[in-house]
Amino acid sequence: MELVDLYPTLAELCNLPVPEGLEGTSFVPLLNDPDLPWKSAVFSEAKRNGAHGRTVRTANYRYTEWSPLDGSGATQHELYDLASDPREFVNLAKSPEHADIREHLSEKLRAGWRAALPAIGRETGDPN
């Protein structure tokens, strides 16, 4: 779940209308059935030290792309295996053994939050 999911969830629990255009998804179905398949990833963004970071977080990995705000320079990458490195000490982004995972997560990041929605929270398409 993401912070953007809180508003639609509270609105649904309070029987209030949910405004159109929200990016969040009510997680009331998950409260009723904790074993329900849910989002395949969550997303965040940050600006720091002259760079714009976009992150995708899955159950096993966190992947971030840092792009310079002024458009100069190369994009920097971070990839962490949260199962073996939960404190994110070892950046695997340049590891050849993790190239496929990095590419998959980069594609997931570009696909955006709509592509990661649970089947119950999307109009069409595959939940993964």
Protein backbone atom coordinates (compact mmCIF):
# COMPACT_ATOMS: atom_id res chain seq x y z
CA MET A 1 0.00 0.00 0.00
CA GLU A 2 0.97 3.59 -0.53
CA LEU A 3 0.06 6.83 1.21
CA VAL A 4 -2.17 7.73 -1.76
CA ASP A 5 -4.31 4.68 -0.88
CA LEU A 6 -5.28 6.06 2.52
CA TYR A 7 -7.78 8.69 1.32
CA PRO A 8 -9.90 6.37 -0.84
CA THR A 9 -9.80 3.71 1.87
CA LEU A 10 -11.02 6.06 4.60
CA ALA A 11 -13.66 7.51 2.29
CA GLU A 12 -14.99 4.03 1.53
CA LEU A 13 -14.96 3.02 5.21
CA CYS A 14 -16.90 6.20 6.06
CA ASN A 15 -19.32 5.71 3.16
CA LEU A 16 -18.20 9.01 1.61
CA PRO A 17 -17.88 9.60 -2.13
CA VAL A 18 -14.38 9.25 -3.53
CA PRO A 19 -13.46 12.07 -5.91
CA GLU A 20 -12.54 11.07 -9.44
CA GLY A 21 -8.93 11.34 -10.52
CA LEU A 22 -7.30 9.99 -7.37
CA GLU A 23 -4.25 7.83 -7.88
CA GLY A 24 -4.90 5.78 -4.76
CA THR A 25 -6.79 2.51 -4.49
CA SER A 26 -8.99 1.67 -1.53
CA PHE A 27 -7.56 -1.30 0.32
CA VAL A 28 -10.85 -2.18 2.01
CA PRO A 29 -10.96 -5.46 0.02
CA LEU A 30 -7.59 -6.33 1.54
CA LEU A 31 -8.87 -5.60 5.05
CA ASN A 32 -11.68 -8.06 4.41
CA ASP A 33 -9.40 -10.70 2.86
CA PRO A 34 -5.69 -10.30 3.77
CA ASP A 35 -4.73 -13.13 1.38
CA LEU A 36 -6.12 -11.29 -1.64
CA PRO A 37 -3.49 -10.64 -4.33
CA TRP A 38 -2.71 -6.93 -4.26
CA LYS A 39 -0.44 -4.40 -5.96
CA SER A 40 2.61 -5.87 -7.63
CA ALA A 41 4.66 -2.76 -6.74
CA VAL A 42 4.53 0.62 -5.06
CA PHE A 43 6.09 3.85 -6.29
CA SER A 44 7.68 6.98 -4.86
CA GLU A 45 9.56 10.05 -6.03
CA ALA A 46 12.06 12.36 -4.39
CA LYS A 47 14.30 15.27 -5.30
CA ARG A 48 17.70 15.35 -3.65
CA ASN A 49 21.12 16.83 -4.37
CA GLY A 50 20.08 18.16 -7.79
CA ALA A 51 18.51 14.89 -8.93
CA HIS A 52 15.01 13.52 -9.38
CA GLY A 53 14.64 9.98 -8.07
CA ARG A 54 11.86 7.63 -9.14
CA THR A 55 11.52 4.37 -7.20
CA VAL A 56 9.62 1.13 -7.61
CA ARG A 57 9.42 -1.26 -4.66
CA THR A 58 8.32 -4.88 -4.97
CA ALA A 59 8.15 -7.60 -2.34
CA ASN A 60 11.79 -8.50 -3.02
CA TYR A 61 13.51 -5.45 -4.50
CA ARG A 62 13.83 -1.68 -4.48
CA TYR A 63 14.95 -0.05 -7.71
CA THR A 64 15.61 3.68 -8.15
CA GLU A 65 16.62 5.82 -11.11
CA TRP A 66 18.21 9.19 -10.29
CA SER A 67 18.17 11.73 -13.15
CA PRO A 68 19.86 15.13 -12.95
CA LEU A 69 17.28 17.91 -12.62
CA ASP A 70 19.07 20.04 -15.20
CA GLY A 71 19.17 17.21 -17.76
CA SER A 72 22.96 16.97 -17.71
CA GLY A 73 24.81 13.80 -16.90
CA ALA A 74 23.82 10.17 -16.84
CA THR A 75 21.02 8.57 -14.87
CA GLN A 76 22.25 6.75 -11.77
CA HIS A 77 20.69 3.46 -10.64
CA GLU A 78 20.15 1.70 -7.33
CA LEU A 79 19.01 -1.89 -6.93
CA TYR A 80 18.69 -3.66 -3.60
CA ASP A 81 17.70 -7.24 -2.83
CA LEU A 82 15.51 -6.75 0.22
CA ALA A 83 15.50 -10.44 1.16
CA SER A 84 19.27 -10.75 1.48
CA ASP A 85 20.02 -7.07 2.23
CA PRO A 86 17.04 -5.52 4.05
CA ARG A 87 19.07 -2.49 5.15
CA GLU A 88 20.11 -1.77 1.56
CA PHE A 89 23.87 -1.73 2.03
CA VAL A 90 24.84 -3.36 -1.30
CA ASN A 91 23.80 -1.65 -4.54
CA LEU A 92 23.39 -4.40 -7.16
CA ALA A 93 22.58 -2.08 -10.08
CA LYS A 94 25.91 -2.73 -11.84
CA SER A 95 25.97 -6.45 -11.09
CA PRO A 96 25.79 -8.54 -14.31
CA GLU A 97 23.96 -11.27 -12.39
CA HIS A 98 21.14 -8.81 -11.68
CA ALA A 99 20.88 -7.23 -15.14
CA ASP A 100 17.59 -9.00 -15.95
CA ILE A 101 16.02 -7.92 -12.65
CA ARG A 102 17.22 -4.35 -13.15
CA GLU A 103 15.72 -4.26 -16.67
CA HIS A 104 12.43 -5.78 -15.46
CA LEU A 105 12.13 -3.23 -12.64
CA SER A 106 13.08 -0.37 -14.95
CA GLU A 107 10.24 -1.43 -17.28
CA LYS A 108 7.88 -1.69 -14.31
CA LEU A 109 8.91 1.81 -13.21
CA ARG A 110 8.17 3.19 -16.69
CA ALA A 111 4.85 1.34 -16.87
CA GLY A 112 3.82 3.24 -13.74
CA TRP A 113 1.43 2.74 -10.89
CA ARG A 114 -1.60 1.84 -13.02
CA ALA A 115 0.16 -1.28 -14.32
CA ALA A 116 0.84 -2.41 -10.74
CA LEU A 117 -2.75 -2.14 -9.51
CA PRO A 118 -4.54 -5.22 -8.23
CA ALA A 119 -7.05 -6.69 -10.67
CA ILE A 120 -9.83 -5.42 -8.40
CA GLY A 121 -8.54 -1.83 -8.67
CA ARG A 122 -8.08 -1.54 -12.41
CA GLU A 123 -10.42 -1.30 -15.33
CA THR A 124 -8.52 -3.65 -17.66
CA GLY A 125 -5.26 -5.47 -18.05
CA ASP A 126 -3.00 -7.89 -16.26
CA PRO A 127 -2.33 -7.17 -12.56
CA ASN A 128 1.40 -7.77 -13.03
